[in-house]
Structures are given as C-alpha cells and as structure tokens.
Amino acid sequence: MKTKEIARNEWPKFFDSFSRQHEGWLVTLEILGSEIGAQVEERELAFEGIVDEWDEIQGNEIDIIMIGAGRSHNAQH
C-alpha cells in the first residue's frame, strides 16, 4: 500500500472525509514499530471514524474508532 503524508493542519478535514467514505467498513488495525514490526491489534471491526484531538497533557492524539462484537474499541495512537 502506498504511504501518503498528510500535513498536520489538514488532519481534521482529511479525517472527516476519510471517516465518511469508510464508515461501517470491516477493518483490521495493525500497529507498526521498528522494534516489533507489524502487530495486529484488532481484526474485522466496523470502522466508525478517525479524530484528531488535543489533550493538555499528551498533546495531539489520533483516535481510531471501531465497533464490533457488541463492544466499542477506541485505539489512541
């Protein structure tokens, strides 16, 4: 899959558009790390959206929201 860098000032608009286009899709979330490689965090959950939020302590957070099997999952990275 091709990687595309999104400028920070474009995150809200991009995340909103991406979320509307993909809402309800079944997704698998993988976490990539230089020391651990690709690790599957969740499989086949319904995608609800991505949001950029500001936290006074942690700064910017990107929340990936998925729902599946009668539960919700909010991955913050």
C-alpha atoms as a PDB file:
ATOM      1  CA  MET A   1       0.000   0.000   0.000  1.00  0.00           C
ATOM      2  CA  LYS A   2       1.293   3.448  -0.897  1.00  0.00           C
ATOM      3  CA  THR A   3       2.026   5.823   2.004  1.00  0.00           C
ATOM      4  CA  LYS A   4       0.900   9.442   1.883  1.00  0.00           C
ATOM      5  CA  GLU A   5       1.914  12.098   4.397  1.00  0.00           C
ATOM      6  CA  ILE A   6      -0.870  14.474   5.446  1.00  0.00           C
ATOM      7  CA  ALA A   7       0.153  17.897   6.776  1.00  0.00           C
ATOM      8  CA  ARG A   8      -0.970  18.387  10.392  1.00  0.00           C
ATOM      9  CA  ASN A   9      -3.116  21.418   9.513  1.00  0.00           C
ATOM     10  CA  GLU A  10      -5.050  19.206   7.050  1.00  0.00           C
ATOM     11  CA  TRP A  11      -5.785  16.400   9.552  1.00  0.00           C
ATOM     12  CA  PRO A  12      -9.306  17.488  10.592  1.00  0.00           C
ATOM     13  CA  LYS A  13     -10.539  17.820   7.006  1.00  0.00           C
ATOM     14  CA  PHE A  14      -8.809  14.611   5.863  1.00  0.00           C
ATOM     15  CA  PHE A  15     -10.016  12.539   8.835  1.00  0.00           C
ATOM     16  CA  ASP A  16     -13.582  13.781   8.413  1.00  0.00           C
ATOM     17  CA  SER A  17     -13.632  12.930   4.700  1.00  0.00           C
ATOM     18  CA  PHE A  18     -11.910   9.558   5.204  1.00  0.00           C
ATOM     19  CA  SER A  19     -14.292   8.653   8.049  1.00  0.00           C
ATOM     20  CA  ARG A  20     -17.418   9.446   5.984  1.00  0.00           C
ATOM     21  CA  GLN A  21     -16.128   7.445   2.995  1.00  0.00           C
ATOM     22  CA  HIS A  22     -15.223   4.346   5.036  1.00  0.00           C
ATOM     23  CA  GLU A  23     -17.795   4.289   7.852  1.00  0.00           C
ATOM     24  CA  GLY A  24     -19.030   0.755   8.508  1.00  0.00           C
ATOM     25  CA  TRP A  25     -16.230  -0.989   6.607  1.00  0.00           C
ATOM     26  CA  LEU A  26     -14.752  -4.018   8.345  1.00  0.00           C
ATOM     27  CA  VAL A  27     -11.155  -3.198   9.220  1.00  0.00           C
ATOM     28  CA  THR A  28      -8.058  -4.765  10.740  1.00  0.00           C
ATOM     29  CA  LEU A  29      -5.821  -2.462  12.769  1.00  0.00           C
ATOM     30  CA  GLU A  30      -2.072  -3.121  12.673  1.00  0.00           C
ATOM     31  CA  ILE A  31       0.468  -1.347  14.837  1.00  0.00           C
ATOM     32  CA  LEU A  32       3.862  -0.796  13.181  1.00  0.00           C
ATOM     33  CA  GLY A  33       7.003  -0.443  15.256  1.00  0.00           C
ATOM     34  CA  SER A  34      10.658  -0.528  14.311  1.00  0.00           C
ATOM     35  CA  GLU A  35      11.425  -2.990  17.111  1.00  0.00           C
ATOM     36  CA  ILE A  36       8.323  -5.206  16.828  1.00  0.00           C
ATOM     37  CA  GLY A  37       7.351  -4.943  13.165  1.00  0.00           C
ATOM     38  CA  ALA A  38       3.646  -5.182  12.258  1.00  0.00           C
ATOM     39  CA  GLN A  39       1.383  -6.452  15.049  1.00  0.00           C
ATOM     40  CA  VAL A  40      -2.369  -6.964  14.603  1.00  0.00           C
ATOM     41  CA  GLU A  41      -4.251  -5.053  17.316  1.00  0.00           C
ATOM     42  CA  GLU A  42      -7.829  -5.784  16.184  1.00  0.00           C
ATOM     43  CA  ARG A  43      -9.479  -7.776  13.369  1.00  0.00           C
ATOM     44  CA  GLU A  44     -12.689  -7.251  11.407  1.00  0.00           C
ATOM     45  CA  LEU A  45     -14.267  -4.477  13.458  1.00  0.00           C
ATOM     46  CA  ALA A  46     -16.638  -1.923  11.949  1.00  0.00           C
ATOM     47  CA  PHE A  47     -14.814   1.337  11.263  1.00  0.00           C
ATOM     48  CA  GLU A  48     -16.561   4.367  12.783  1.00  0.00           C
ATOM     49  CA  GLY A  49     -14.048   7.128  12.264  1.00  0.00           C
ATOM     50  CA  ILE A  50     -10.753   8.861  12.955  1.00  0.00           C
ATOM     51  CA  VAL A  51     -10.483  12.029  15.017  1.00  0.00           C
ATOM     52  CA  ASP A  52      -7.616  14.327  15.905  1.00  0.00           C
ATOM     53  CA  GLU A  53      -7.997  15.530  19.486  1.00  0.00           C
ATOM     54  CA  TRP A  54      -5.929  17.872  21.631  1.00  0.00           C
ATOM     55  CA  ASP A  55      -5.102  16.884  25.199  1.00  0.00           C
ATOM     56  CA  GLU A  56      -3.427  19.356  27.591  1.00  0.00           C
ATOM     57  CA  ILE A  57      -1.127  16.652  28.964  1.00  0.00           C
ATOM     58  CA  GLN A  58      -0.431  14.442  25.939  1.00  0.00           C
ATOM     59  CA  GLY A  59      -0.797  16.952  23.097  1.00  0.00           C
ATOM     60  CA  ASN A  60      -2.253  15.708  19.810  1.00  0.00           C
ATOM     61  CA  GLU A  61      -3.875  12.284  19.796  1.00  0.00           C
ATOM     62  CA  ILE A  62      -5.300  10.442  16.830  1.00  0.00           C
ATOM     63  CA  ASP A  63      -8.277   8.304  17.860  1.00  0.00           C
ATOM     64  CA  ILE A  64      -9.275   5.403  15.613  1.00  0.00           C
ATOM     65  CA  ILE A  65     -12.823   4.340  16.492  1.00  0.00           C
ATOM     66  CA  MET A  66     -14.079   0.845  15.682  1.00  0.00           C
ATOM     67  CA  ILE A  67     -17.068  -1.191  16.862  1.00  0.00           C
ATOM     68  CA  GLY A  68     -17.542  -4.938  16.800  1.00  0.00           C
ATOM     69  CA  ALA A  69     -18.992  -7.945  18.606  1.00  0.00           C
ATOM     70  CA  GLY A  70     -21.182  -5.818  20.864  1.00  0.00           C
ATOM     71  CA  ARG A  71     -18.359  -3.595  22.067  1.00  0.00           C
ATOM     72  CA  SER A  72     -16.560  -0.460  21.094  1.00  0.00           C
ATOM     73  CA  HIS A  73     -12.824  -0.035  20.741  1.00  0.00           C
ATOM     74  CA  ASN A  74     -11.042   3.273  20.737  1.00  0.00           C
ATOM     75  CA  ALA A  75      -7.394   2.945  19.746  1.00  0.00           C
ATOM     76  CA  GLN A  76      -5.360   6.020  20.628  1.00  0.00           C
ATOM     77  CA  HIS A  77      -2.013   6.490  18.915  1.00  0.00           C
END
